[in-house]
Protein backbone atom coordinates (compact mmCIF):
# COMPACT_ATOMS: atom_id res chain seq x y z
CA MET A 1 99.11 107.76 127.69
CA THR A 2 101.76 107.02 125.09
CA MET A 3 102.05 108.26 121.53
CA THR A 4 100.58 105.55 119.33
CA LYS A 5 101.14 105.19 115.60
CA THR A 6 97.51 106.16 115.12
CA LEU A 7 97.96 109.42 117.04
CA MET A 8 101.14 110.12 115.06
CA ILE A 9 99.10 109.79 111.87
CA VAL A 10 96.65 112.36 113.29
CA ALA A 11 99.55 114.75 113.90
CA GLU A 12 100.99 114.17 110.41
CA LEU A 13 97.60 114.74 108.80
CA ALA A 14 97.17 117.95 110.79
CA VAL A 15 100.40 119.29 109.28
CA ILE A 16 99.38 118.17 105.79
CA ASN A 17 95.95 119.78 106.26
CA TRP A 18 97.46 123.06 107.46
CA THR A 19 99.82 123.06 104.46
CA LEU A 20 96.91 122.41 102.10
CA ILE A 21 94.84 125.23 103.61
CA LEU A 22 97.81 127.59 103.27
CA ALA A 23 98.45 126.49 99.68
CA ALA A 24 94.77 126.93 98.78
CA SER A 25 94.78 130.42 100.24
CA LEU A 26 97.93 131.43 98.37
CA ILE A 27 96.73 129.91 95.08
CA LYS A 28 93.35 131.65 95.35
CA ALA A 29 95.07 134.99 96.02
CA LYS A 30 97.64 134.43 93.23
CA ALA A 31 100.33 135.13 95.80
CA TRP A 32 103.12 134.66 93.26
CA LYS A 33 102.26 138.18 92.01
CA PRO A 34 102.96 141.24 94.17
CA SER A 35 99.28 142.25 94.08
CA GLY A 36 98.25 138.72 95.03
CA LEU A 37 100.74 138.58 97.89
CA ILE A 38 99.36 141.85 99.24
CA ALA A 39 95.83 140.45 98.92
CA ALA A 40 96.87 137.22 100.68
CA MET A 41 98.29 139.19 103.62
CA GLY A 42 95.19 141.38 103.86
CA ASN A 43 91.77 140.72 105.39
CA ARG A 44 90.44 139.18 102.16
CA GLU A 45 87.12 140.94 102.56
CA LYS A 46 86.86 141.53 98.80
CA GLU A 47 87.91 138.10 97.62
CA ALA A 48 87.24 137.58 93.95
CA PRO A 49 85.29 134.44 93.11
CA CYS A 50 87.46 131.71 91.70
CA ASP A 51 86.96 128.59 89.65
CA GLY A 52 89.06 125.82 88.19
CA PHE A 53 92.25 124.78 89.94
CA PRO A 54 92.14 127.43 92.73
CA ALA A 55 88.53 126.55 93.57
CA ARG A 56 89.26 122.81 93.57
CA THR A 57 92.29 123.34 95.80
CA ASP A 58 90.14 125.32 98.23
CA ARG A 59 87.44 122.64 98.23
CA ALA A 60 90.06 119.90 98.73
CA ALA A 61 91.36 121.78 101.79
CA LYS A 62 87.87 122.21 103.22
CA ASN A 63 87.00 118.57 102.56
CA MET A 64 90.20 117.45 104.28
CA LEU A 65 89.34 119.57 107.31
CA GLU A 66 85.80 118.13 107.45
CA ASN A 67 87.09 114.55 107.30
CA MET A 68 89.84 115.23 109.83
CA VAL A 69 87.20 116.03 112.45
CA PHE A 70 85.71 112.52 112.20
CA PHE A 71 89.06 110.77 111.83
CA THR A 72 90.59 112.59 114.80
CA ALA A 73 87.59 111.77 116.98
CA LEU A 74 87.80 108.08 116.09
CA ALA A 75 91.57 107.96 116.59
CA LEU A 76 91.34 109.66 119.97
CA VAL A 77 88.52 107.43 121.20
CA ALA A 78 90.46 104.33 120.13
CA SER A 79 93.68 105.56 121.74
CA VAL A 80 92.17 106.84 125.00
CA GLY A 81 89.94 103.77 125.20
CA GLY A 82 92.95 101.49 124.88
CA VAL A 83 91.60 99.67 121.82
CA ALA A 84 94.52 97.40 120.91
CA ASP A 85 93.01 95.93 117.75
CA PRO A 86 95.52 96.08 114.86
CA HIS A 87 92.66 97.20 112.61
CA VAL A 88 92.79 100.63 114.30
CA GLU A 89 96.29 101.30 112.96
CA LEU A 90 95.48 99.68 109.62
CA GLY A 91 92.36 101.84 109.27
CA ALA A 92 94.40 104.94 110.15
CA ARG A 93 97.02 104.05 107.56
CA ILE A 94 94.35 103.45 104.91
CA PHE A 95 92.77 106.80 105.74
CA PHE A 96 96.19 108.54 105.64
CA TRP A 97 97.26 107.17 102.26
CA ALA A 98 93.83 107.56 100.69
CA ARG A 99 93.74 111.22 101.76
CA LEU A 100 97.24 111.80 100.37
CA VAL A 101 96.10 110.40 97.03
CA TYR A 102 92.79 112.29 97.24
CA ILE A 103 94.35 115.76 97.49
CA PRO A 104 96.08 115.90 94.08
CA ILE A 105 93.21 114.02 92.42
CA TYR A 106 90.78 116.66 93.68
CA MET A 107 93.11 119.52 92.76
CA ILE A 108 93.60 118.19 89.21
CA GLY A 109 89.86 117.52 88.86
CA ILE A 110 89.36 113.79 88.28
CA PRO A 111 85.76 113.30 89.52
CA VAL A 112 85.22 109.49 89.59
CA ALA A 113 88.68 108.77 90.97
CA ARG A 114 88.16 111.47 93.61
CA THR A 115 84.98 109.83 94.89
CA SER A 116 86.53 106.35 94.81
CA VAL A 117 89.57 107.43 96.82
CA TRP A 118 87.32 109.31 99.26
CA ALA A 119 85.32 106.08 99.75
CA ILE A 120 88.54 104.21 100.53
CA SER A 121 89.35 106.77 103.24
CA VAL A 122 85.86 106.25 104.70
CA ILE A 123 86.54 102.50 104.78
CA GLY A 124 89.64 103.26 106.88
CA MET A 125 87.51 105.24 109.34
CA GLY A 126 84.96 102.43 109.33
CA MET A 127 87.65 99.97 110.34
CA ILE A 128 88.57 102.14 113.33
CA PHE A 129 84.91 102.50 114.30
CA ALA A 130 84.33 98.75 114.02
CA SER A 131 87.34 98.09 116.28
CA ILE A 132 85.96 100.53 118.86
CA VAL A 133 82.54 98.85 118.80
CA GLN A 134 84.09 95.38 119.11
CA ALA A 135 86.09 96.54 122.14
CA LEU A 136 82.94 97.58 124.02
CA PRO A 137 82.15 95.38 127.03
């Protein structure tokens, strides 16, 4: 099996997702302060509740992780199944760019735009799914 552009997008999104999870954790802990850095490196058993920007960043990270599960499954099925439809790569690119736009929109807190961009990413996954279904014998 060769590395396809779609699988490369999965790898790139995994790195972006890991970075977002790390950033959310550090923002929630206020790691720019010595006390926050100590809290971030601890077990976080007594995490203070947060709201606003830190909470939105955390939710954006969790949402990205949830969507990555579905996207990765679709990308792997298409790649392993040898689906050569150009809509697979196009759907992956749409998902990638929509998710990149989604992250700061969620973190800033723009509700309608957030949902619209999320829907665009779902369309990208839908394109991959449709290509898989069309490739069935």
